[in-house]
């Protein structure tokens, strides 16, 4: 062969190799962020559509119902991404045919104390109109011997006889005897808060004393109560989805530390029932904290005092990470990171009035590439903070990009001997083990999205395993959550629909779980989304659906039919695909 021909052959081979490399690079780029699913489970040529019945009217007007929005459509970004701020928060209105709460036991001695009560007072009429029971067994009655929802219970056939709410006296007395009552705010103190008569002298004097001292030095006072934080698994305080029933599920799977949902100091001090309900603790939560959010020393010190004096908690956590606009613009949450002097007065005032440890959960900073948490570490230490949790992302990043554990480890070195936890991106025991090896100065891990997607993550972390959980086992977890929800929110129509609402919010995370047996490469990563796939059975396929209409179908399996006019939208619009 001539040298010219050899050169041509060599050139062709190089060209082919280059083309192959380019094609490979393109395929890798296209698959970036996509989980590897076994080929036999992938659904080819999937055509996405919107769950039109589940989206708001304003969004419907922007979209063509018959066609999915193209990438070029501007409205697709605004309609399908981010938080659904305009969603209707009213999932269900209680009908006026509801029985008056004073008559739920069906006793002849019971009577209504309100002259203008809008609910029914005729028990026979109510029972005739009452919707069919969802099931024959009332979980609350089965464990307590008495259902407090009485005649209004949607599982009432097990404890309603002849228009009366019957009581299993033996079981009820045993439950009363064994019940561990956690302290809650009394009605008297609730009234004092609402009328602004609660005595806050202690917290007001603490703020004045600390605020007058312009050269703020280290705080001498230490908490009389100590907590061993080392190597603990901490379930993150999760707004909306971190409710008591969900925390019970996570405790059963091995979570060591639990915390309430974020409590707004302003609403707490005004005596709002809904805000105080967030502070309720379950007896299984052996290390339990309450997270507060506020924007000034007086508000936060008063919140610390009133919580200290009225509820059971093992620690109080200050939120310095909430990225929501309505919180940030008021100078609370991550907004406090930019007001270091004010933050110092807040922390020292709170520490002064507390008998339990004070902790903080912070983001790395507010603006992208402008970390400030490390600058605040000395002040945290001087303020007597017992634990610092750093979420390795800025406010601007929200949940984009991976959490920066290197930065958190640097913060941990600065904070010693105060212990530091890292928050972000733990989805498997490999993630956890690797983080402990690579970042030895970090004491423990706070787990949020990983627990929402698969609450059994705590079991996996403690046993160093991957659990290829079946669809039926996952359904049993949802059934247990529903039982805990009915116990917590009630088994009447209001309680059923409240349980359904929070179940659906949780399902908007659950569908992101990819079964171990379907993955081509284990483990699943938190930033990898699956291609459209089918499960190993029909239930697993249903659970993999990102369509909120399918989540409603799952709720029907557990809580019966939805009422007329029921609507649900998840917090993030991108989850409306079907």
Protein backbone atom coordinates (compact mmCIF):
# COMPACT_ATOMS: atom_id res chain seq x y z
CA UNK A 1 0.00 0.00 0.00
CA UNK A 2 1.32 3.43 -0.89
CA UNK A 3 2.16 5.93 1.82
CA UNK A 4 -0.68 8.15 0.59
CA UNK A 5 -3.25 5.36 1.05
CA UNK A 6 -1.79 4.54 4.48
CA UNK A 7 -2.14 8.18 5.48
CA UNK A 8 -5.78 8.16 4.29
CA UNK A 9 -6.56 5.00 6.27
CA UNK A 10 -4.90 6.51 9.36
CA UNK A 11 -6.84 9.75 8.87
CA UNK A 12 -10.16 7.86 8.54
CA UNK A 13 -9.42 5.87 11.70
CA UNK A 14 -8.63 9.06 13.60
CA UNK A 15 -11.76 10.72 12.21
CA UNK A 16 -13.94 7.74 13.21
CA UNK A 17 -12.39 7.71 16.67
CA UNK A 18 -13.02 11.45 17.02
CA UNK A 19 -16.63 11.05 15.85
CA UNK A 20 -17.16 8.16 18.29
CA UNK A 21 -15.76 10.27 21.12
CA UNK A 22 -18.02 13.19 20.18
CA UNK A 23 -21.09 10.91 20.01
CA UNK A 24 -20.17 9.37 23.37
CA UNK A 25 -19.76 12.85 24.89
CA UNK A 26 -23.13 13.94 23.51
CA UNK A 27 -24.86 10.82 24.92
CA UNK A 28 -23.19 11.37 28.31
CA UNK A 29 -24.26 15.03 28.33
CA UNK A 30 -27.84 14.08 27.40
CA UNK A 31 -27.88 11.49 30.19
CA UNK A 32 -26.31 13.83 32.73
CA UNK A 33 -28.45 13.83 35.87
CA UNK A 34 -30.42 10.80 34.66
CA UNK A 35 -30.43 7.66 36.81
CA UNK A 36 -29.40 4.41 35.13
CA UNK A 37 -32.46 2.15 34.90
CA UNK A 38 -32.35 -1.41 33.60
CA UNK A 39 -33.44 -1.37 29.96
CA UNK A 40 -36.36 -3.76 30.40
CA UNK A 41 -38.11 -1.26 32.71
CA UNK A 42 -37.66 1.91 30.64
CA UNK A 43 -40.74 3.24 28.84
CA UNK A 44 -39.67 4.47 25.41
CA UNK A 45 -41.26 7.43 23.64
CA UNK A 46 -43.12 8.60 26.73
CA UNK A 47 -45.41 11.55 25.94
CA UNK A 48 -45.82 13.82 28.99
CA UNK A 49 -49.12 15.52 29.71
CA UNK A 50 -50.37 17.72 32.48
CA UNK A 51 -52.78 16.53 35.15
CA UNK A 52 -55.22 19.24 34.06
CA UNK A 53 -57.75 18.50 36.81
CA UNK A 54 -55.12 19.24 39.44
CA UNK A 55 -53.74 22.59 38.26
CA UNK A 56 -55.04 26.08 38.86
CA UNK A 57 -57.28 27.98 36.46
CA UNK A 58 -54.61 30.60 35.80
CA UNK A 59 -52.19 27.89 34.69
CA UNK A 60 -54.81 26.22 32.51
CA UNK A 61 -55.23 29.47 30.60
CA UNK A 62 -51.52 29.46 29.73
CA UNK A 63 -51.33 25.90 28.48
CA UNK A 64 -52.82 23.89 25.65
CA UNK A 65 -54.54 20.95 27.30
CA UNK A 66 -54.02 18.66 24.32
CA UNK A 67 -50.27 19.16 23.97
CA UNK A 68 -47.38 19.21 26.44
CA UNK A 69 -45.55 22.54 26.52
CA UNK A 70 -42.49 22.63 24.29
CA UNK A 71 -39.10 23.78 25.56
CA UNK A 72 -39.49 26.94 23.50
CA UNK A 73 -42.70 27.99 25.20
CA UNK A 74 -41.94 30.69 27.72
CA UNK A 75 -44.90 29.76 29.86
CA UNK A 76 -43.58 26.25 30.45
CA UNK A 77 -40.90 27.61 32.73
CA UNK A 78 -43.19 29.82 34.74
CA UNK A 79 -46.03 27.32 34.94
CA UNK A 80 -44.14 24.10 35.53
CA UNK A 81 -41.16 25.12 37.63
CA UNK A 82 -40.65 26.48 41.10
CA UNK A 83 -43.06 26.79 43.94
CA UNK A 84 -46.76 27.01 43.23
CA UNK A 85 -47.29 30.20 45.23
CA UNK A 86 -50.81 30.84 43.92
CA UNK A 87 -52.16 27.41 44.80
CA UNK A 88 -55.41 27.18 46.70
CA UNK A 89 -54.53 26.15 50.23
CA UNK A 90 -58.14 25.13 50.95
CA UNK A 91 -58.32 21.47 50.07
CA UNK A 92 -61.78 20.86 51.51
CA UNK A 93 -64.51 22.87 53.18
CA UNK A 94 -66.33 21.30 56.15
CA UNK A 95 -70.04 21.12 55.19
CA UNK A 96 -72.66 22.70 57.44
CA UNK A 97 -74.24 19.24 57.77
CA UNK A 98 -71.41 18.47 60.19
CA UNK A 99 -72.53 17.53 63.70
CA UNK A 100 -71.86 20.02 66.49
CA UNK A 101 -68.69 19.01 68.34
CA UNK A 102 -70.55 19.17 71.68
CA UNK A 103 -72.77 16.26 70.63
CA UNK A 104 -70.26 13.78 69.24
CA UNK A 105 -70.75 11.25 72.06
CA UNK A 106 -74.50 11.06 71.47
CA UNK A 107 -75.22 11.44 75.18
CA UNK A 108 -78.53 12.93 76.24
CA UNK A 109 -76.65 15.10 78.74
CA UNK A 110 -74.60 16.77 76.00
CA UNK A 111 -75.76 20.15 74.71
CA UNK A 112 -74.35 23.02 72.66
CA UNK A 113 -73.23 26.11 74.56
CA UNK A 114 -73.33 28.45 71.54
CA UNK A 115 -76.52 30.30 70.59
CA UNK A 116 -75.57 30.80 66.92
CA UNK A 117 -73.84 27.48 66.25
CA UNK A 118 -74.02 26.73 62.50
CA UNK A 119 -73.68 22.96 62.77
CA UNK A 120 -76.35 20.29 63.17
CA UNK A 121 -77.80 19.47 66.59
CA UNK A 122 -80.16 16.68 65.56
CA UNK A 123 -78.18 13.45 65.96
CA UNK A 124 -80.67 11.30 64.04
CA UNK A 125 -80.71 13.73 61.11
CA UNK A 126 -76.91 13.86 61.08
CA UNK A 127 -76.51 10.07 61.07
CA UNK A 128 -78.96 9.84 58.15
CA UNK A 129 -76.89 12.31 56.11
CA UNK A 130 -73.48 11.08 57.23
CA UNK A 131 -71.24 9.70 54.43
CA UNK A 132 -70.56 5.97 54.40
CA UNK A 133 -67.78 4.69 56.61
CA UNK A 134 -64.39 4.31 54.95
CA UNK A 135 -63.65 1.10 56.86
CA UNK A 136 -65.15 -1.04 59.61
CA UNK A 137 -62.23 -0.71 62.02
CA UNK A 138 -61.42 2.54 63.81
CA UNK A 139 -57.67 2.59 64.55
CA UNK A 140 -58.05 5.13 67.37
CA UNK A 141 -60.75 3.06 69.09
CA UNK A 142 -58.72 -0.12 68.66
CA UNK A 143 -55.71 1.32 70.57
CA UNK A 144 -57.42 3.64 73.06
CA UNK A 145 -60.81 2.06 73.73
CA UNK A 146 -62.51 5.40 73.00
CA UNK A 147 -62.70 7.44 69.81
CA UNK A 148 -62.83 11.18 70.62
CA UNK A 149 -64.54 11.87 67.27
CA UNK A 150 -67.50 9.74 68.35
CA UNK A 151 -70.50 9.84 66.02
CA UNK A 152 -68.59 11.85 63.42
CA UNK A 153 -65.90 9.18 63.02
CA UNK A 154 -65.63 7.87 59.43
CA UNK A 155 -64.75 4.44 60.85
CA UNK A 156 -67.56 4.59 63.41
CA UNK A 157 -69.30 1.26 62.82
CA UNK A 158 -66.87 -0.33 65.30
CA UNK A 159 -67.89 1.97 68.16
CA UNK A 160 -71.30 3.50 67.35
CA UNK A 161 -74.38 1.67 68.64
CA UNK A 162 -77.92 3.04 68.71
CA UNK A 163 -76.75 6.59 68.14
CA UNK A 164 -74.22 6.43 70.98
CA UNK A 165 -70.41 6.46 71.03
CA UNK A 166 -69.52 3.35 73.04
CA UNK A 167 -66.38 3.01 75.16
CA UNK A 168 -64.31 -0.11 75.87
CA UNK A 169 -63.84 0.83 79.50
CA UNK A 170 -61.10 -1.72 80.28
CA UNK A 171 -58.96 -0.74 77.29
CA UNK A 172 -59.63 2.97 77.82
CA UNK A 173 -58.56 2.89 81.48
CA UNK A 174 -55.43 0.95 80.55
CA UNK A 175 -54.58 3.51 77.88
CA UNK A 176 -55.14 6.41 80.32
CA UNK A 177 -52.90 4.66 82.84
CA UNK A 178 -50.06 4.09 80.37
CA UNK A 179 -50.35 7.33 78.41
CA UNK A 180 -47.31 9.59 78.54
CA UNK A 181 -48.66 13.11 78.46
CA UNK A 182 -46.30 15.71 76.99
CA UNK A 183 -46.77 19.25 78.28
CA UNK A 184 -48.79 21.55 76.05
CA UNK A 185 -49.85 25.18 76.34
CA UNK A 186 -52.86 25.51 78.66
CA UNK A 187 -56.03 27.29 77.58
CA UNK A 188 -55.37 29.89 80.28
CA UNK A 189 -51.94 30.75 78.90
CA UNK A 190 -53.24 30.68 75.34
CA UNK A 191 -55.78 33.34 76.35
CA UNK A 192 -53.04 35.39 78.02
CA UNK A 193 -51.01 35.36 74.80
CA UNK A 194 -53.98 36.46 72.73
CA UNK A 195 -54.77 39.30 75.16
CA UNK A 196 -51.06 40.20 75.50
CA UNK A 197 -51.16 39.51 79.24
CA UNK A 198 -48.45 36.85 79.40
CA UNK A 199 -45.57 37.81 81.70
CA UNK A 200 -42.46 38.22 79.52
CA UNK A 201 -40.42 40.16 82.09
CA UNK A 202 -37.65 37.55 82.08
CA UNK A 203 -37.02 37.68 78.33
CA UNK A 204 -37.47 41.46 78.07
CA UNK A 205 -34.86 42.06 80.78
CA UNK A 206 -32.47 39.61 79.11
CA UNK A 207 -32.67 41.47 75.80
CA UNK A 208 -32.23 44.89 77.43
CA UNK A 209 -29.20 43.72 79.40
CA UNK A 210 -27.46 42.18 76.40
CA UNK A 211 -28.46 44.94 73.97
CA UNK A 212 -26.97 47.65 76.23
CA UNK A 213 -23.59 45.96 76.23
CA UNK A 214 -22.18 47.15 72.90
CA UNK A 215 -18.95 45.19 73.33
CA UNK A 216 -20.59 41.79 73.40
CA UNK A 217 -18.29 39.20 74.94
CA UNK A 218 -18.68 35.44 75.43
CA UNK A 219 -21.81 34.31 77.25
CA UNK A 220 -20.92 32.60 80.54
CA UNK A 221 -24.19 30.74 81.09
CA UNK A 222 -24.31 27.11 79.98
CA UNK A 223 -27.32 24.89 79.57
CA UNK A 224 -27.83 22.58 82.58
CA UNK A 225 -29.05 19.91 80.16
CA UNK A 226 -26.49 18.22 77.91
CA UNK A 227 -27.08 16.25 74.72
CA UNK A 228 -24.54 13.90 73.18
CA UNK A 229 -24.80 14.86 69.51
CA UNK A 230 -21.93 12.73 68.19
CA UNK A 231 -22.75 10.41 65.26
CA UNK A 232 -26.48 10.95 65.63
CA UNK A 233 -28.88 10.77 62.66
CA UNK A 234 -30.96 13.95 62.68
CA UNK A 235 -34.26 14.20 60.80
CA UNK A 236 -34.35 17.75 59.43
CA UNK A 237 -37.13 20.15 60.48
CA UNK A 238 -39.30 20.02 57.35
CA UNK A 239 -42.04 22.57 56.76
CA UNK A 240 -45.43 20.98 55.91
CA UNK A 241 -44.15 17.41 55.53
CA UNK A 242 -42.19 17.10 58.80
CA UNK A 243 -45.38 16.63 60.82
CA UNK A 244 -45.77 14.39 63.87
CA UNK A 245 -47.05 11.28 61.98
CA UNK A 246 -44.11 11.48 59.56
CA UNK A 247 -41.64 11.89 62.41
CA UNK A 248 -43.08 8.76 64.05
CA UNK A 249 -42.41 6.81 60.86
CA UNK A 250 -38.80 8.03 60.77
CA UNK A 251 -38.29 7.26 64.47
CA UNK A 252 -39.36 3.67 63.84
CA UNK A 253 -36.73 3.40 61.11
CA UNK A 254 -33.97 4.66 63.40
CA UNK A 255 -33.85 8.48 63.38
CA UNK A 256 -32.06 9.61 66.56
CA UNK A 257 -33.04 13.28 66.67
CA UNK A 258 -36.31 14.85 65.52
CA UNK A 259 -37.41 18.46 65.33
CA UNK A 260 -40.72 20.23 64.81
CA UNK A 261 -41.64 22.00 61.62
CA UNK A 262 -40.53 25.64 61.49
CA UNK A 263 -42.61 27.64 64.00
CA UNK A 264 -43.12 31.36 63.32
CA UNK A 265 -42.40 33.38 66.46
CA UNK A 266 -44.95 36.07 65.57
CA UNK A 267 -47.80 33.55 65.27
CA UNK A 268 -46.66 31.68 68.37
CA UNK A 269 -46.77 34.83 70.51
CA UNK A 270 -50.22 35.72 69.19
CA UNK A 271 -51.55 32.38 70.43
CA UNK A 272 -52.45 30.87 67.06
CA UNK A 273 -53.72 27.31 67.54
CA UNK A 274 -52.20 26.06 64.29
CA UNK A 275 -48.74 27.31 65.23
CA UNK A 276 -48.86 25.82 68.71
CA UNK A 277 -50.04 22.50 67.25
CA UNK A 278 -46.66 22.26 65.49
CA UNK A 279 -44.91 22.07 68.89
CA UNK A 280 -46.65 18.83 69.89
CA UNK A 281 -44.30 15.98 70.64
CA UNK A 282 -44.91 12.22 70.41
CA UNK A 283 -43.77 10.05 73.29
CA UNK A 284 -41.40 8.09 71.00
CA UNK A 285 -39.38 11.23 70.19
CA UNK A 286 -36.68 10.83 72.84
CA UNK A 287 -34.48 13.70 71.55
CA UNK A 288 -36.91 16.32 70.30
CA UNK A 289 -36.42 19.98 69.49
CA UNK A 290 -38.55 22.88 68.32
CA UNK A 291 -37.36 25.16 65.52
CA UNK A 292 -38.34 28.83 65.68
CA UNK A 293 -38.06 31.56 63.09
CA UNK A 294 -38.11 35.28 63.85
CA UNK A 295 -36.39 38.54 62.96
CA UNK A 296 -35.66 40.39 66.23
CA UNK A 297 -34.31 39.68 69.74
CA UNK A 298 -37.50 40.50 71.65
CA UNK A 299 -39.64 38.20 69.52
CA UNK A 300 -37.18 35.31 69.66
CA UNK A 301 -36.37 35.66 73.37
CA UNK A 302 -40.08 35.71 74.22
CA UNK A 303 -40.63 32.65 72.05
CA UNK A 304 -37.81 30.85 73.85
CA UNK A 305 -39.29 31.75 77.23
CA UNK A 306 -42.88 30.75 76.47
CA UNK A 307 -41.79 27.46 74.92
CA UNK A 308 -39.46 26.74 77.85
CA UNK A 309 -42.30 27.31 80.30
CA UNK A 310 -45.11 25.47 78.50
CA UNK A 311 -43.96 22.55 76.33
CA UNK A 312 -41.62 19.55 76.48
CA UNK A 313 -38.52 19.99 74.34
CA UNK A 314 -34.92 18.83 74.63
CA UNK A 315 -33.47 21.72 72.62
CA UNK A 316 -34.51 24.86 70.77
CA UNK A 317 -33.27 25.48 67.21
CA UNK A 318 -33.06 28.87 65.51
CA UNK A 319 -33.78 28.84 61.77
CA UNK A 320 -31.11 30.73 59.84
CA UNK A 321 -31.66 28.96 56.55
CA UNK A 322 -35.23 29.46 55.32
CA UNK A 323 -34.93 30.83 51.75
CA UNK A 324 -38.61 31.75 51.21
CA UNK A 325 -39.13 35.33 50.04
CA UNK A 326 -41.81 36.17 52.61
CA UNK A 327 -39.48 35.08 55.43
CA UNK A 328 -36.23 36.46 53.99
CA UNK A 329 -37.65 39.92 53.19
CA UNK A 330 -38.75 40.30 56.82
CA UNK A 331 -35.17 39.70 57.93
CA UNK A 332 -35.87 36.23 59.33
CA UNK A 333 -34.52 32.82 58.31
CA UNK A 334 -31.51 33.28 56.01
CA UNK A 335 -32.15 37.04 56.21
CA UNK A 336 -30.59 37.08 59.70
CA UNK A 337 -27.25 35.99 58.24
CA UNK A 338 -26.78 39.53 56.92
CA UNK A 339 -27.48 41.12 60.33
CA UNK A 340 -24.73 39.61 62.49
CA UNK A 341 -24.96 42.09 65.42
CA UNK A 342 -28.72 41.68 65.64
CA UNK A 343 -28.29 37.90 65.37
CA UNK A 344 -25.81 37.91 68.25
CA UNK A 345 -28.28 39.70 70.52
CA UNK A 346 -30.98 37.22 69.46
CA UNK A 347 -28.84 34.19 70.31
CA UNK A 348 -27.52 35.49 73.63
CA UNK A 349 -30.97 36.61 74.75
CA UNK A 350 -32.45 33.20 73.88
CA UNK A 351 -29.58 31.36 75.59
CA UNK A 352 -30.13 33.44 78.77
CA UNK A 353 -33.78 32.40 79.19
CA UNK A 354 -33.34 28.74 78.21
CA UNK A 355 -32.64 25.72 80.41
CA UNK A 356 -32.20 23.46 77.36
CA UNK A 357 -29.48 23.61 74.66
CA UNK A 358 -29.77 26.22 71.90
CA UNK A 359 -28.86 25.11 68.37
CA UNK A 360 -28.79 26.81 64.96
CA UNK A 361 -29.40 25.58 61.43
CA UNK A 362 -27.88 27.84 58.81
CA UNK A 363 -27.17 27.98 55.11
CA UNK A 364 -23.62 28.66 53.94
CA UNK A 365 -24.66 32.17 52.92
CA UNK A 366 -27.25 34.26 51.13
CA UNK A 367 -25.66 35.03 47.77
CA UNK A 368 -24.04 32.52 45.47
CA UNK A 369 -20.28 32.14 46.00
CA UNK A 370 -20.38 34.43 49.04
CA UNK A 371 -20.22 32.13 52.06
CA UNK A 372 -20.64 33.81 55.44
CA UNK A 373 -21.30 30.94 57.85
CA UNK A 374 -17.59 30.58 58.69
CA UNK A 375 -17.46 34.26 59.74
CA UNK A 376 -20.34 33.67 62.16
CA UNK A 377 -18.88 30.55 63.81
CA UNK A 378 -16.94 32.46 66.55
CA UNK A 379 -20.09 34.39 67.42
CA UNK A 380 -22.11 31.15 67.58
CA UNK A 381 -19.55 29.74 70.03
CA UNK A 382 -19.54 32.90 72.19
CA UNK A 383 -23.35 32.82 72.29
CA UNK A 384 -23.43 29.39 73.91
CA UNK A 385 -24.78 27.47 70.91
CA UNK A 386 -24.64 23.71 71.53
CA UNK A 387 -24.85 22.45 67.92
CA UNK A 388 -24.39 24.12 64.54
CA UNK A 389 -25.95 22.56 61.44
CA UNK A 390 -24.66 23.95 58.15
CA UNK A 391 -26.55 23.37 54.91
CA UNK A 392 -23.80 23.65 52.31
CA UNK A 393 -25.77 25.78 49.85
CA UNK A 394 -26.57 29.48 49.74
CA UNK A 395 -30.07 30.91 49.78
CA UNK A 396 -29.81 31.73 46.07
CA UNK A 397 -28.89 28.13 45.26
CA UNK A 398 -31.97 26.71 47.01
CA UNK A 399 -31.54 23.02 46.13
CA UNK A 400 -29.58 23.38 42.90
CA UNK A 401 -25.97 22.17 42.83
CA UNK A 402 -24.58 19.67 45.30
CA UNK A 403 -24.09 20.64 48.93
CA UNK A 404 -20.52 21.76 49.68
CA UNK A 405 -19.37 19.38 52.41
CA UNK A 406 -15.77 20.65 52.10
CA UNK A 407 -16.95 24.05 53.24
CA UNK A 408 -18.97 22.55 56.10
CA UNK A 409 -15.88 20.63 57.25
CA UNK A 410 -13.91 23.90 57.34
CA UNK A 411 -16.69 25.39 59.49
CA UNK A 412 -16.47 22.35 61.77
CA UNK A 413 -12.72 22.91 62.29
CA UNK A 414 -13.41 26.51 63.30
CA UNK A 415 -16.28 25.55 65.60
CA UNK A 416 -14.45 22.95 67.70
CA UNK A 417 -15.24 22.00 70.44
CA UNK A 418 -18.83 22.94 69.45
CA UNK A 419 -20.09 20.14 67.24
CA UNK A 420 -21.20 20.66 63.62
CA UNK A 421 -23.65 18.66 61.51
CA UNK A 422 -23.87 18.84 57.74
CA UNK A 423 -27.11 18.87 55.80
CA UNK A 424 -27.57 17.93 52.15
CA UNK A 425 -27.55 15.11 49.61
CA UNK A 426 -27.43 11.98 51.81
CA UNK A 427 -29.39 9.33 49.89
CA UNK A 428 -27.57 6.08 50.74
CA UNK A 429 -25.25 4.52 53.27
CA UNK A 430 -22.37 4.99 50.81
CA UNK A 431 -23.01 8.74 50.86
CA UNK A 432 -22.97 8.66 54.66
CA UNK A 433 -19.89 6.45 55.06
CA UNK A 434 -17.96 8.42 52.43
CA UNK A 435 -18.81 11.70 54.15
CA UNK A 436 -17.55 10.42 57.52
CA UNK A 437 -14.27 9.30 55.94
CA UNK A 438 -13.72 12.43 53.84
CA UNK A 439 -14.91 14.98 56.39
CA UNK A 440 -13.85 13.74 59.85
CA UNK A 441 -14.46 17.06 61.60
CA UNK A 442 -18.22 16.88 60.91
CA UNK A 443 -19.99 15.27 63.86
CA UNK A 444 -23.17 13.97 62.20
CA UNK A 445 -25.69 14.31 59.41
CA UNK A 446 -29.05 16.02 59.13
CA UNK A 447 -31.26 14.30 56.56
CA UNK A 448 -34.17 16.00 54.80
CA UNK A 449 -35.03 15.08 51.22
CA UNK A 450 -33.46 11.64 51.61
CA UNK A 451 -35.90 10.87 54.42
CA UNK A 452 -38.87 12.26 52.49
CA UNK A 453 -38.05 10.14 49.44
CA UNK A 454 -37.35 7.00 51.50
CA UNK A 455 -37.88 7.22 55.28
CA UNK A 456 -36.19 3.83 55.69
CA UNK A 457 -32.89 5.59 54.90
CA UNK A 458 -32.17 5.63 58.66
CA UNK A 459 -32.38 1.83 58.73
CA UNK A 460 -30.05 1.61 55.73
CA UNK A 461 -27.51 3.96 57.31
CA UNK A 462 -27.41 2.03 60.57
CA UNK A 463 -27.23 -1.39 58.90
CA UNK A 464 -24.95 -0.37 56.01
CA UNK A 465 -27.27 -1.90 53.42
CA UNK A 466 -29.56 -1.17 50.47
CA UNK A 467 -33.12 -2.26 51.10
CA UNK A 468 -34.82 -3.41 47.90
CA UNK A 469 -38.18 -2.64 49.42
CA UNK A 470 -41.25 -4.03 47.65
CA UNK A 471 -44.27 -1.98 46.60
CA UNK A 472 -46.42 -3.78 49.19
CA UNK A 473 -43.95 -2.93 51.95
CA UNK A 474 -44.04 0.70 50.85
CA UNK A 475 -47.84 0.62 50.89
CA UNK A 476 -47.76 -0.72 54.46
CA UNK A 477 -45.65 2.30 55.46
CA UNK A 478 -48.25 4.61 53.90
CA UNK A 479 -51.03 2.72 55.72
CA UNK A 480 -49.21 3.20 59.02
CA UNK A 481 -48.76 6.91 58.25
CA UNK A 482 -52.51 7.20 57.63
CA UNK A 483 -53.27 5.52 60.97
CA UNK A 484 -50.94 7.91 62.77
CA UNK A 485 -52.56 10.79 60.90
CA UNK A 486 -56.06 9.77 61.99
CA UNK A 487 -54.82 9.51 65.58
CA UNK A 488 -53.19 12.95 65.38
CA UNK A 489 -55.69 14.95 63.29
CA UNK A 490 -58.85 12.96 64.03
CA UNK A 491 -60.92 10.30 62.30
CA UNK A 492 -63.88 12.51 61.35
CA UNK A 493 -64.22 14.05 57.88
CA UNK A 494 -61.98 16.99 58.75
CA UNK A 495 -59.31 14.66 60.13
CA UNK A 496 -59.52 12.30 57.16
CA UNK A 497 -59.07 15.12 54.66
CA UNK A 498 -56.26 16.72 56.68
CA UNK A 499 -54.51 13.36 56.71
CA UNK A 500 -55.08 13.06 52.95
CA UNK A 501 -53.64 16.53 52.36
CA UNK A 502 -50.40 15.77 54.17
CA UNK A 503 -50.20 12.29 52.65
CA UNK A 504 -50.37 13.84 49.17
CA UNK A 505 -47.67 16.37 50.05
CA UNK A 506 -45.48 13.49 51.14
CA UNK A 507 -46.27 11.46 48.01
CA UNK A 508 -44.93 14.37 45.94
CA UNK A 509 -41.52 13.27 47.27
CA UNK A 510 -42.10 9.51 47.55
CA UNK A 511 -42.45 9.00 43.79
CA UNK A 512 -38.85 10.13 43.33
CA UNK A 513 -37.63 6.90 44.91
CA UNK A 514 -36.22 4.40 42.39
CA UNK A 515 -36.41 0.76 43.57
CA UNK A 516 -33.00 -0.85 44.05
CA UNK A 517 -33.94 -3.85 41.88
CA UNK A 518 -34.67 -1.57 38.92
CA UNK A 519 -31.44 0.42 39.05
CA UNK A 520 -28.63 -0.48 36.68
CA UNK A 521 -26.21 1.25 39.05
CA UNK A 522 -26.69 1.39 42.81
CA UNK A 523 -27.09 3.68 44.75
CA UNK A 524 -29.56 6.30 43.59
CA UNK A 525 -28.18 9.85 43.81
CA UNK A 526 -30.30 12.72 45.10
CA UNK A 527 -29.65 14.85 42.00
CA UNK A 528 -30.47 12.08 39.49
CA UNK A 529 -33.98 11.77 38.13
CA UNK A 530 -35.17 8.57 36.50
CA UNK A 531 -36.25 8.19 32.89
CA UNK A 532 -39.88 7.14 32.59
CA UNK A 533 -40.07 3.57 33.72
CA UNK A 534 -42.48 0.83 34.74
CA UNK A 535 -42.23 -1.03 38.01
CA UNK A 536 -42.01 -4.71 38.72
CA UNK A 537 -45.75 -4.76 39.41
CA UNK A 538 -48.71 -2.44 38.85
CA UNK A 539 -48.49 -0.88 42.33
CA UNK A 540 -44.80 -0.07 41.90
CA UNK A 541 -45.60 1.53 38.54
CA UNK A 542 -48.33 3.63 40.17
CA UNK A 543 -45.96 4.70 42.93
CA UNK A 544 -43.40 5.82 40.32
CA UNK A 545 -45.86 8.22 38.69
CA UNK A 546 -45.12 11.94 38.87
CA UNK A 547 -48.76 12.75 38.14
CA UNK A 548 -50.58 14.21 41.15
CA UNK A 549 -53.80 12.60 39.89
CA UNK A 550 -52.16 9.22 40.52
CA UNK A 551 -51.18 10.31 44.03
CA UNK A 552 -54.85 11.05 44.64
CA UNK A 553 -55.63 7.49 43.47
CA UNK A 554 -53.19 6.14 46.07
CA UNK A 555 -54.90 8.27 48.72
CA UNK A 556 -58.25 6.74 47.71
CA UNK A 557 -56.84 3.27 48.37
CA UNK A 558 -56.06 4.34 51.94
CA UNK A 559 -58.68 6.97 52.82
CA UNK A 560 -61.59 6.28 50.52
CA UNK A 561 -63.10 8.56 47.85
CA UNK A 562 -62.27 12.26 47.79
CA UNK A 563 -65.14 14.66 48.59
CA UNK A 564 -66.82 16.75 45.93
CA UNK A 565 -64.77 19.80 44.99
CA UNK A 566 -61.52 18.30 46.28
CA UNK A 567 -58.39 19.73 44.66
CA UNK A 568 -54.73 19.19 45.29
CA UNK A 569 -51.59 20.85 43.97
CA UNK A 570 -48.14 19.96 45.29
CA UNK A 571 -45.85 22.75 46.43
CA UNK A 572 -43.74 22.46 43.26
CA UNK A 573 -45.52 22.76 39.95
CA UNK A 574 -43.02 20.55 38.13
CA UNK A 575 -44.64 17.60 39.89
CA UNK A 576 -47.89 18.05 37.94
CA UNK A 577 -46.73 15.90 35.01
CA UNK A 578 -48.43 12.62 34.28
